[in-house]
Amino acid sequence: MERLKIRVTGKVQGVYFRDNARQRADRLGIRGFARNEPDGSVYIEAEGSKEALEQFLTWCHEGSREAVVENVEHSRHELLGHEGFEVR
């Protein structure tokens, strides 16, 4: 199990990015959260298996249907023990 901190930039607010991230996380068994940031990006913390997180990162580069993803940055961190995946 691993934890990723992910920042997605581009047209990612107001386009159902966080809700679609929650749906994808639920399907992959990923726990954590997604929230809008004041700078227009979306910040995500995601915990799960290495394989699930790789699939989730691939999705983050595509995003929701209406999103226009410009950049995805991520870093690995120690687990916190998130329960479920929530949109904040």
C-alpha atoms as a PDB file:
ATOM      1  CA  MET A   1       0.000   0.000   0.000  1.00  0.00           C
ATOM      2  CA  GLU A   2       1.164   3.476  -0.867  1.00  0.00           C
ATOM      3  CA  ARG A   3      -0.055   7.068  -0.623  1.00  0.00           C
ATOM      4  CA  LEU A   4       0.214   9.630  -3.382  1.00  0.00           C
ATOM      5  CA  LYS A   5      -0.217  13.368  -3.240  1.00  0.00           C
ATOM      6  CA  ILE A   6      -1.417  14.491  -6.669  1.00  0.00           C
ATOM      7  CA  ARG A   7      -1.930  17.969  -8.126  1.00  0.00           C
ATOM      8  CA  VAL A   8      -3.801  18.267 -11.407  1.00  0.00           C
ATOM      9  CA  THR A   9      -3.791  21.551 -13.327  1.00  0.00           C
ATOM     10  CA  GLY A  10      -5.709  22.796 -16.343  1.00  0.00           C
ATOM     11  CA  LYS A  11      -9.461  23.121 -16.755  1.00  0.00           C
ATOM     12  CA  VAL A  12     -10.247  20.790 -13.843  1.00  0.00           C
ATOM     13  CA  GLN A  13     -12.705  22.768 -11.710  1.00  0.00           C
ATOM     14  CA  GLY A  14     -16.382  22.976 -12.584  1.00  0.00           C
ATOM     15  CA  VAL A  15     -16.113  19.969 -14.921  1.00  0.00           C
ATOM     16  CA  TYR A  16     -16.974  17.111 -12.504  1.00  0.00           C
ATOM     17  CA  PHE A  17     -13.301  16.163 -12.133  1.00  0.00           C
ATOM     18  CA  ARG A  18     -13.526  15.475  -8.381  1.00  0.00           C
ATOM     19  CA  ASP A  19     -16.724  13.440  -8.638  1.00  0.00           C
ATOM     20  CA  ASN A  20     -15.296  11.381 -11.489  1.00  0.00           C
ATOM     21  CA  ALA A  21     -12.087  10.923  -9.463  1.00  0.00           C
ATOM     22  CA  ARG A  22     -14.202   9.584  -6.576  1.00  0.00           C
ATOM     23  CA  GLN A  23     -16.000   7.159  -8.873  1.00  0.00           C
ATOM     24  CA  ARG A  24     -12.704   5.925 -10.347  1.00  0.00           C
ATOM     25  CA  ALA A  25     -11.146   5.622  -6.881  1.00  0.00           C
ATOM     26  CA  ASP A  26     -14.127   3.603  -5.639  1.00  0.00           C
ATOM     27  CA  ARG A  27     -13.794   1.184  -8.577  1.00  0.00           C
ATOM     28  CA  LEU A  28     -10.064   0.781  -7.923  1.00  0.00           C
ATOM     29  CA  GLY A  29     -10.367   0.431  -4.135  1.00  0.00           C
ATOM     30  CA  ILE A  30      -8.494   3.679  -3.490  1.00  0.00           C
ATOM     31  CA  ARG A  31      -9.072   5.709  -0.334  1.00  0.00           C
ATOM     32  CA  GLY A  32      -8.448   9.426   0.184  1.00  0.00           C
ATOM     33  CA  PHE A  33      -9.955  12.689  -1.038  1.00  0.00           C
ATOM     34  CA  ALA A  34     -10.048  15.284  -3.818  1.00  0.00           C
ATOM     35  CA  ARG A  35     -10.497  19.026  -3.292  1.00  0.00           C
ATOM     36  CA  ASN A  36     -10.439  22.195  -5.361  1.00  0.00           C
ATOM     37  CA  GLU A  37      -7.583  24.573  -4.655  1.00  0.00           C
ATOM     38  CA  PRO A  38      -7.735  28.392  -4.832  1.00  0.00           C
ATOM     39  CA  ASP A  39      -5.268  28.399  -7.759  1.00  0.00           C
ATOM     40  CA  GLY A  40      -7.721  26.413  -9.945  1.00  0.00           C
ATOM     41  CA  SER A  41      -6.008  23.046  -9.530  1.00  0.00           C
ATOM     42  CA  VAL A  42      -7.346  19.877  -7.929  1.00  0.00           C
ATOM     43  CA  TYR A  43      -5.399  18.320  -5.044  1.00  0.00           C
ATOM     44  CA  ILE A  44      -5.818  14.602  -4.398  1.00  0.00           C
ATOM     45  CA  GLU A  45      -4.535  12.278  -1.712  1.00  0.00           C
ATOM     46  CA  ALA A  46      -4.873   8.654  -2.735  1.00  0.00           C
ATOM     47  CA  GLU A  47      -3.999   5.464  -0.864  1.00  0.00           C
ATOM     48  CA  GLY A  48      -4.064   2.013  -2.390  1.00  0.00           C
ATOM     49  CA  SER A  49      -2.046  -0.719  -4.033  1.00  0.00           C
ATOM     50  CA  LYS A  50       0.747   0.286  -6.376  1.00  0.00           C
ATOM     51  CA  GLU A  51      -1.171  -1.151  -9.347  1.00  0.00           C
ATOM     52  CA  ALA A  52      -4.406   0.683  -8.461  1.00  0.00           C
ATOM     53  CA  LEU A  53      -2.550   3.964  -7.959  1.00  0.00           C
ATOM     54  CA  GLU A  54      -0.815   3.622 -11.337  1.00  0.00           C
ATOM     55  CA  GLN A  55      -4.222   3.140 -13.000  1.00  0.00           C
ATOM     56  CA  PHE A  56      -5.589   6.132 -11.067  1.00  0.00           C
ATOM     57  CA  LEU A  57      -2.645   8.313 -12.177  1.00  0.00           C
ATOM     58  CA  THR A  58      -3.279   7.313 -15.768  1.00  0.00           C
ATOM     59  CA  TRP A  59      -6.897   8.418 -15.346  1.00  0.00           C
ATOM     60  CA  CYS A  60      -5.768  11.731 -13.774  1.00  0.00           C
ATOM     61  CA  HIS A  61      -3.923  12.566 -17.001  1.00  0.00           C
ATOM     62  CA  GLU A  62      -7.225  12.173 -18.885  1.00  0.00           C
ATOM     63  CA  GLY A  63      -9.718  13.419 -16.296  1.00  0.00           C
ATOM     64  CA  SER A  64     -13.451  13.792 -16.716  1.00  0.00           C
ATOM     65  CA  ARG A  65     -15.014  14.205 -20.152  1.00  0.00           C
ATOM     66  CA  GLU A  66     -15.203  18.008 -19.831  1.00  0.00           C
ATOM     67  CA  ALA A  67     -11.746  18.469 -18.267  1.00  0.00           C
ATOM     68  CA  VAL A  68      -8.649  19.685 -20.054  1.00  0.00           C
ATOM     69  CA  VAL A  69      -5.694  18.352 -18.058  1.00  0.00           C
ATOM     70  CA  GLU A  70      -2.482  20.311 -18.583  1.00  0.00           C
ATOM     71  CA  ASN A  71      -0.223  18.763 -15.944  1.00  0.00           C
ATOM     72  CA  VAL A  72      -0.218  16.073 -13.252  1.00  0.00           C
ATOM     73  CA  GLU A  73       2.396  16.144 -10.489  1.00  0.00           C
ATOM     74  CA  HIS A  74       2.641  13.468  -7.836  1.00  0.00           C
ATOM     75  CA  SER A  75       4.819  12.383  -4.958  1.00  0.00           C
ATOM     76  CA  ARG A  76       4.853   9.296  -2.737  1.00  0.00           C
ATOM     77  CA  HIS A  77       4.341   9.494   1.034  1.00  0.00           C
ATOM     78  CA  GLU A  78       3.723   7.317   4.088  1.00  0.00           C
ATOM     79  CA  LEU A  79       0.205   5.979   4.597  1.00  0.00           C
ATOM     80  CA  LEU A  80      -2.238   7.948   6.745  1.00  0.00           C
ATOM     81  CA  GLY A  81      -5.066   5.418   6.798  1.00  0.00           C
ATOM     82  CA  HIS A  82      -7.792   7.284   4.907  1.00  0.00           C
ATOM     83  CA  GLU A  83     -11.218   5.650   5.020  1.00  0.00           C
ATOM     84  CA  GLY A  84     -13.231   5.760   1.801  1.00  0.00           C
ATOM     85  CA  PHE A  85     -12.766   8.455  -0.828  1.00  0.00           C
ATOM     86  CA  GLU A  86     -14.471  11.797  -0.415  1.00  0.00           C
ATOM     87  CA  VAL A  87     -14.925  14.964  -2.398  1.00  0.00           C
ATOM     88  CA  ARG A  88     -14.099  18.025  -0.342  1.00  0.00           C
END
